[in-house]
Amino acid sequence: MPETLPELRQAIAELLPRLRRFGRTLAHSREDADDLVQVAIEKALTRTDQWTPGTRLDSWMFRIMQNAWIDELRARERRGQTFLPEEEGEHVGDGATTGAPLDAILVRNAVARLSDEHRTVVGLVLVEGLSYQEAAETLGVPVGTVTSRVARAREALQELLGEWP
């Protein structure tokens, strides 16, 4: 566990791959995800005094990202802007896409079709490997809420991927 500011900064830097992955789980585009990661890191570095040594840094960072994403969604709603995900047009006309890349695209698209709440718990529990308790703490909800959201998200994914060719 990092105890000094330089150690904390290094630990945050080491979390970058996981933060990017979680950002892509929350956001529908790489650009939005990268912006979200940047905002979260900036907030974390300017508020290092709010992190409690001895607690999980990844959960703290995921919570910051979740809150930043909620703020962004609210701002977009106020502006009345909706952006289509880049992935919608990314593979148009690409007839050579087969196998594992195609499977990954189908799964990504199925996850993108989940509600925000379900997509978030999928990202934290199924992708990032947080326990239900850790995810609940990160999201500020009861463990039972995370449990039911994960169960519903799995059911929805099974239904969506049941359409899989």
C-alpha atoms as a PDB file:
ATOM      1  CA  MET A   1       0.000   0.000   0.000  1.00  0.00           C
ATOM      2  CA  PRO A   2       1.355   3.426  -0.884  1.00  0.00           C
ATOM      3  CA  GLU A   3       2.029   5.632   2.098  1.00  0.00           C
ATOM      4  CA  THR A   4       3.825   8.623   0.602  1.00  0.00           C
ATOM      5  CA  LEU A   5       2.653  10.952  -2.145  1.00  0.00           C
ATOM      6  CA  PRO A   6       5.244   9.665  -4.669  1.00  0.00           C
ATOM      7  CA  GLU A   7       4.219   6.068  -3.875  1.00  0.00           C
ATOM      8  CA  LEU A   8       0.556   6.999  -4.319  1.00  0.00           C
ATOM      9  CA  ARG A   9       1.264   8.636  -7.675  1.00  0.00           C
ATOM     10  CA  GLN A  10       3.185   5.549  -8.810  1.00  0.00           C
ATOM     11  CA  ALA A  11       0.371   3.244  -7.667  1.00  0.00           C
ATOM     12  CA  ILE A  12      -2.163   5.329  -9.598  1.00  0.00           C
ATOM     13  CA  ALA A  13       0.041   5.133 -12.702  1.00  0.00           C
ATOM     14  CA  GLU A  14       0.192   1.345 -12.323  1.00  0.00           C
ATOM     15  CA  LEU A  15      -3.625   1.257 -12.317  1.00  0.00           C
ATOM     16  CA  LEU A  16      -3.843   2.910 -15.759  1.00  0.00           C
ATOM     17  CA  PRO A  17      -4.645  -0.261 -17.749  1.00  0.00           C
ATOM     18  CA  ARG A  18      -7.458  -1.156 -15.341  1.00  0.00           C
ATOM     19  CA  LEU A  19      -8.744   2.413 -15.274  1.00  0.00           C
ATOM     20  CA  ARG A  20      -8.837   2.502 -19.077  1.00  0.00           C
ATOM     21  CA  ARG A  21     -10.670  -0.815 -19.186  1.00  0.00           C
ATOM     22  CA  PHE A  22     -13.234   0.374 -16.637  1.00  0.00           C
ATOM     23  CA  GLY A  23     -13.565   3.669 -18.497  1.00  0.00           C
ATOM     24  CA  ARG A  24     -14.423   1.780 -21.665  1.00  0.00           C
ATOM     25  CA  THR A  25     -16.969  -0.200 -19.721  1.00  0.00           C
ATOM     26  CA  LEU A  26     -18.704   2.975 -18.590  1.00  0.00           C
ATOM     27  CA  ALA A  27     -18.356   5.028 -21.750  1.00  0.00           C
ATOM     28  CA  HIS A  28     -19.379   4.035 -25.237  1.00  0.00           C
ATOM     29  CA  SER A  29     -16.296   5.341 -27.016  1.00  0.00           C
ATOM     30  CA  ARG A  30     -12.561   5.185 -26.563  1.00  0.00           C
ATOM     31  CA  GLU A  31     -12.304   8.954 -26.591  1.00  0.00           C
ATOM     32  CA  ASP A  32     -14.879   9.327 -23.827  1.00  0.00           C
ATOM     33  CA  ALA A  33     -13.161   6.578 -21.839  1.00  0.00           C
ATOM     34  CA  ASP A  34      -9.745   8.217 -22.190  1.00  0.00           C
ATOM     35  CA  ASP A  35     -11.207  11.575 -21.169  1.00  0.00           C
ATOM     36  CA  LEU A  36     -12.851   9.921 -18.183  1.00  0.00           C
ATOM     37  CA  VAL A  37      -9.577   8.347 -17.082  1.00  0.00           C
ATOM     38  CA  GLN A  38      -7.830  11.684 -17.400  1.00  0.00           C
ATOM     39  CA  VAL A  39     -10.500  13.462 -15.341  1.00  0.00           C
ATOM     40  CA  ALA A  40     -10.387  10.751 -12.668  1.00  0.00           C
ATOM     41  CA  ILE A  41      -6.606  10.847 -12.369  1.00  0.00           C
ATOM     42  CA  GLU A  42      -6.631  14.621 -12.205  1.00  0.00           C
ATOM     43  CA  LYS A  43      -9.263  14.550  -9.456  1.00  0.00           C
ATOM     44  CA  ALA A  44      -7.378  11.864  -7.541  1.00  0.00           C
ATOM     45  CA  LEU A  45      -4.066  13.714  -7.732  1.00  0.00           C
ATOM     46  CA  THR A  46      -5.617  16.974  -6.578  1.00  0.00           C
ATOM     47  CA  ARG A  47      -7.420  15.213  -3.715  1.00  0.00           C
ATOM     48  CA  THR A  48      -4.794  12.806  -2.439  1.00  0.00           C
ATOM     49  CA  ASP A  49      -5.607  13.950   1.085  1.00  0.00           C
ATOM     50  CA  GLN A  50      -9.023  12.265   0.715  1.00  0.00           C
ATOM     51  CA  TRP A  51      -7.538   8.800   0.156  1.00  0.00           C
ATOM     52  CA  THR A  52      -7.158   6.713   3.299  1.00  0.00           C
ATOM     53  CA  PRO A  53      -3.915   4.713   3.409  1.00  0.00           C
ATOM     54  CA  GLY A  54      -4.617   1.056   4.067  1.00  0.00           C
ATOM     55  CA  THR A  55      -7.733   1.033   1.879  1.00  0.00           C
ATOM     56  CA  ARG A  56      -7.913  -0.245  -1.682  1.00  0.00           C
ATOM     57  CA  LEU A  57      -6.636   2.352  -4.092  1.00  0.00           C
ATOM     58  CA  ASP A  58      -8.363   0.717  -7.065  1.00  0.00           C
ATOM     59  CA  SER A  59     -11.775   0.967  -5.392  1.00  0.00           C
ATOM     60  CA  TRP A  60     -11.131   4.631  -4.597  1.00  0.00           C
ATOM     61  CA  MET A  61     -10.153   5.320  -8.214  1.00  0.00           C
ATOM     62  CA  PHE A  62     -13.121   3.391  -9.613  1.00  0.00           C
ATOM     63  CA  ARG A  63     -15.436   5.403  -7.351  1.00  0.00           C
ATOM     64  CA  ILE A  64     -13.920   8.648  -8.641  1.00  0.00           C
ATOM     65  CA  MET A  65     -14.409   7.422 -12.226  1.00  0.00           C
ATOM     66  CA  GLN A  66     -18.011   6.383 -11.565  1.00  0.00           C
ATOM     67  CA  ASN A  67     -18.807   9.786 -10.079  1.00  0.00           C
ATOM     68  CA  ALA A  68     -17.035  11.603 -12.912  1.00  0.00           C
ATOM     69  CA  TRP A  69     -19.028   9.589 -15.455  1.00  0.00           C
ATOM     70  CA  ILE A  70     -22.293  10.421 -13.699  1.00  0.00           C
ATOM     71  CA  ASP A  71     -21.300  14.097 -13.782  1.00  0.00           C
ATOM     72  CA  GLU A  72     -20.536  13.832 -17.507  1.00  0.00           C
ATOM     73  CA  LEU A  73     -23.852  12.149 -18.275  1.00  0.00           C
ATOM     74  CA  ARG A  74     -25.719  14.820 -16.369  1.00  0.00           C
ATOM     75  CA  ALA A  75     -23.830  17.546 -18.225  1.00  0.00           C
ATOM     76  CA  ARG A  76     -24.643  15.929 -21.573  1.00  0.00           C
ATOM     77  CA  GLU A  77     -28.273  15.656 -20.629  1.00  0.00           C
ATOM     78  CA  ARG A  78     -28.345  19.335 -19.743  1.00  0.00           C
ATOM     79  CA  ARG A  79     -26.711  20.212 -23.051  1.00  0.00           C
ATOM     80  CA  GLY A  80     -29.109  17.910 -24.858  1.00  0.00           C
ATOM     81  CA  GLN A  81     -26.256  16.247 -26.708  1.00  0.00           C
ATOM     82  CA  THR A  82     -26.037  12.611 -27.503  1.00  0.00           C
ATOM     83  CA  PHE A  83     -23.030  11.119 -29.219  1.00  0.00           C
ATOM     84  CA  LEU A  84     -23.082   7.817 -31.017  1.00  0.00           C
ATOM     85  CA  PRO A  85     -20.354   5.409 -30.040  1.00  0.00           C
ATOM     86  CA  GLU A  86     -17.397   5.332 -32.405  1.00  0.00           C
ATOM     87  CA  GLU A  87     -17.684   1.553 -32.507  1.00  0.00           C
ATOM     88  CA  GLU A  88     -20.962   1.883 -34.414  1.00  0.00           C
ATOM     89  CA  GLY A  89     -19.074   2.756 -37.590  1.00  0.00           C
ATOM     90  CA  GLU A  90     -15.697   1.296 -36.794  1.00  0.00           C
ATOM     91  CA  HIS A  91     -16.112  -1.991 -38.662  1.00  0.00           C
ATOM     92  CA  VAL A  92     -18.477  -1.039 -41.460  1.00  0.00           C
ATOM     93  CA  GLY A  93     -17.441  -2.755 -44.669  1.00  0.00           C
ATOM     94  CA  ASP A  94     -14.839  -4.870 -42.925  1.00  0.00           C
ATOM     95  CA  GLY A  95     -15.787  -8.273 -44.309  1.00  0.00           C
ATOM     96  CA  ALA A  96     -12.548  -9.846 -43.083  1.00  0.00           C
ATOM     97  CA  THR A  97     -13.528  -9.640 -39.407  1.00  0.00           C
ATOM     98  CA  THR A  98     -13.920 -13.200 -38.130  1.00  0.00           C
ATOM     99  CA  GLY A  99     -13.202 -15.366 -35.134  1.00  0.00           C
ATOM    100  CA  ALA A 100     -12.095 -13.938 -31.814  1.00  0.00           C
ATOM    101  CA  PRO A 101     -12.130 -10.284 -32.914  1.00  0.00           C
ATOM    102  CA  LEU A 102     -15.735 -10.711 -34.050  1.00  0.00           C
ATOM    103  CA  ASP A 103     -16.639 -12.413 -30.770  1.00  0.00           C
ATOM    104  CA  ALA A 104     -15.055  -9.537 -28.850  1.00  0.00           C
ATOM    105  CA  ILE A 105     -17.051  -7.040 -30.906  1.00  0.00           C
ATOM    106  CA  LEU A 106     -20.290  -8.938 -30.252  1.00  0.00           C
ATOM    107  CA  VAL A 107     -19.616  -9.064 -26.512  1.00  0.00           C
ATOM    108  CA  ARG A 108     -18.632  -5.366 -26.426  1.00  0.00           C
ATOM    109  CA  ASN A 109     -21.815  -4.467 -28.279  1.00  0.00           C
ATOM    110  CA  ALA A 110     -23.911  -6.604 -25.922  1.00  0.00           C
ATOM    111  CA  VAL A 111     -22.321  -4.940 -22.875  1.00  0.00           C
ATOM    112  CA  ALA A 112     -22.918  -1.528 -24.459  1.00  0.00           C
ATOM    113  CA  ARG A 113     -26.622  -2.363 -24.732  1.00  0.00           C
ATOM    114  CA  LEU A 114     -26.905  -2.930 -20.971  1.00  0.00           C
ATOM    115  CA  SER A 115     -28.253  -0.203 -18.714  1.00  0.00           C
ATOM    116  CA  ASP A 116     -25.679   2.059 -17.091  1.00  0.00           C
ATOM    117  CA  GLU A 117     -26.151   0.324 -13.727  1.00  0.00           C
ATOM    118  CA  HIS A 118     -25.662  -3.136 -15.199  1.00  0.00           C
ATOM    119  CA  ARG A 119     -22.721  -2.086 -17.373  1.00  0.00           C
ATOM    120  CA  THR A 120     -21.019  -0.582 -14.313  1.00  0.00           C
ATOM    121  CA  VAL A 121     -21.306  -3.728 -12.174  1.00  0.00           C
ATOM    122  CA  VAL A 122     -20.175  -5.876 -15.100  1.00  0.00           C
ATOM    123  CA  GLY A 123     -17.106  -3.670 -15.385  1.00  0.00           C
ATOM    124  CA  LEU A 124     -16.293  -3.766 -11.688  1.00  0.00           C
ATOM    125  CA  VAL A 125     -17.135  -7.381 -10.839  1.00  0.00           C
ATOM    126  CA  LEU A 126     -16.780  -9.409 -14.027  1.00  0.00           C
ATOM    127  CA  VAL A 127     -14.042  -7.432 -15.775  1.00  0.00           C
ATOM    128  CA  GLU A 128     -12.029  -5.848 -12.953  1.00  0.00           C
ATOM    129  CA  GLY A 129     -12.512  -8.727 -10.522  1.00  0.00           C
ATOM    130  CA  LEU A 130     -13.698  -6.713  -7.538  1.00  0.00           C
ATOM    131  CA  SER A 131     -15.656  -8.656  -4.959  1.00  0.00           C
ATOM    132  CA  TYR A 132     -19.326  -7.845  -4.561  1.00  0.00           C
ATOM    133  CA  GLN A 133     -18.473  -6.109  -1.276  1.00  0.00           C
ATOM    134  CA  GLU A 134     -15.751  -3.990  -2.917  1.00  0.00           C
ATOM    135  CA  ALA A 135     -18.031  -3.090  -5.809  1.00  0.00           C
ATOM    136  CA  ALA A 136     -20.773  -2.131  -3.361  1.00  0.00           C
ATOM    137  CA  GLU A 137     -18.368   0.125  -1.473  1.00  0.00           C
ATOM    138  CA  THR A 138     -17.130   1.640  -4.725  1.00  0.00           C
ATOM    139  CA  LEU A 139     -20.668   2.403  -5.866  1.00  0.00           C
ATOM    140  CA  GLY A 140     -22.003   3.337  -2.455  1.00  0.00           C
ATOM    141  CA  VAL A 141     -24.819   0.787  -2.586  1.00  0.00           C
ATOM    142  CA  PRO A 142     -25.679  -2.313  -0.500  1.00  0.00           C
ATOM    143  CA  VAL A 143     -24.072  -5.639  -1.426  1.00  0.00           C
ATOM    144  CA  GLY A 144     -27.515  -7.046  -2.234  1.00  0.00           C
ATOM    145  CA  THR A 145     -27.974  -4.348  -4.860  1.00  0.00           C
ATOM    146  CA  VAL A 146     -24.710  -5.333  -6.531  1.00  0.00           C
ATOM    147  CA  THR A 147     -25.687  -9.001  -6.353  1.00  0.00           C
ATOM    148  CA  SER A 148     -29.030  -8.417  -8.035  1.00  0.00           C
ATOM    149  CA  ARG A 149     -27.538  -6.081 -10.650  1.00  0.00           C
ATOM    150  CA  VAL A 150     -24.876  -8.642 -11.561  1.00  0.00           C
ATOM    151  CA  ALA A 151     -27.507 -11.378 -11.815  1.00  0.00           C
ATOM    152  CA  ARG A 152     -29.733  -9.231 -14.019  1.00  0.00           C
ATOM    153  CA  ALA A 153     -26.772  -8.126 -16.129  1.00  0.00           C
ATOM    154  CA  ARG A 154     -25.751 -11.748 -16.684  1.00  0.00           C
ATOM    155  CA  GLU A 155     -29.298 -12.652 -17.697  1.00  0.00           C
ATOM    156  CA  ALA A 156     -29.442  -9.706 -20.081  1.00  0.00           C
ATOM    157  CA  LEU A 157     -26.079 -10.619 -21.598  1.00  0.00           C
ATOM    158  CA  GLN A 158     -27.166 -14.229 -22.064  1.00  0.00           C
ATOM    159  CA  GLU A 159     -30.309 -13.026 -23.799  1.00  0.00           C
ATOM    160  CA  LEU A 160     -28.413 -10.542 -25.970  1.00  0.00           C
ATOM    161  CA  LEU A 161     -25.716 -13.057 -26.850  1.00  0.00           C
ATOM    162  CA  GLY A 162     -28.382 -15.685 -27.483  1.00  0.00           C
ATOM    163  CA  GLU A 163     -28.921 -13.710 -30.671  1.00  0.00           C
ATOM    164  CA  TRP A 164     -25.255 -14.525 -31.435  1.00  0.00           C
ATOM    165  CA  PRO A 165     -24.903 -16.064 -34.900  1.00  0.00           C
END
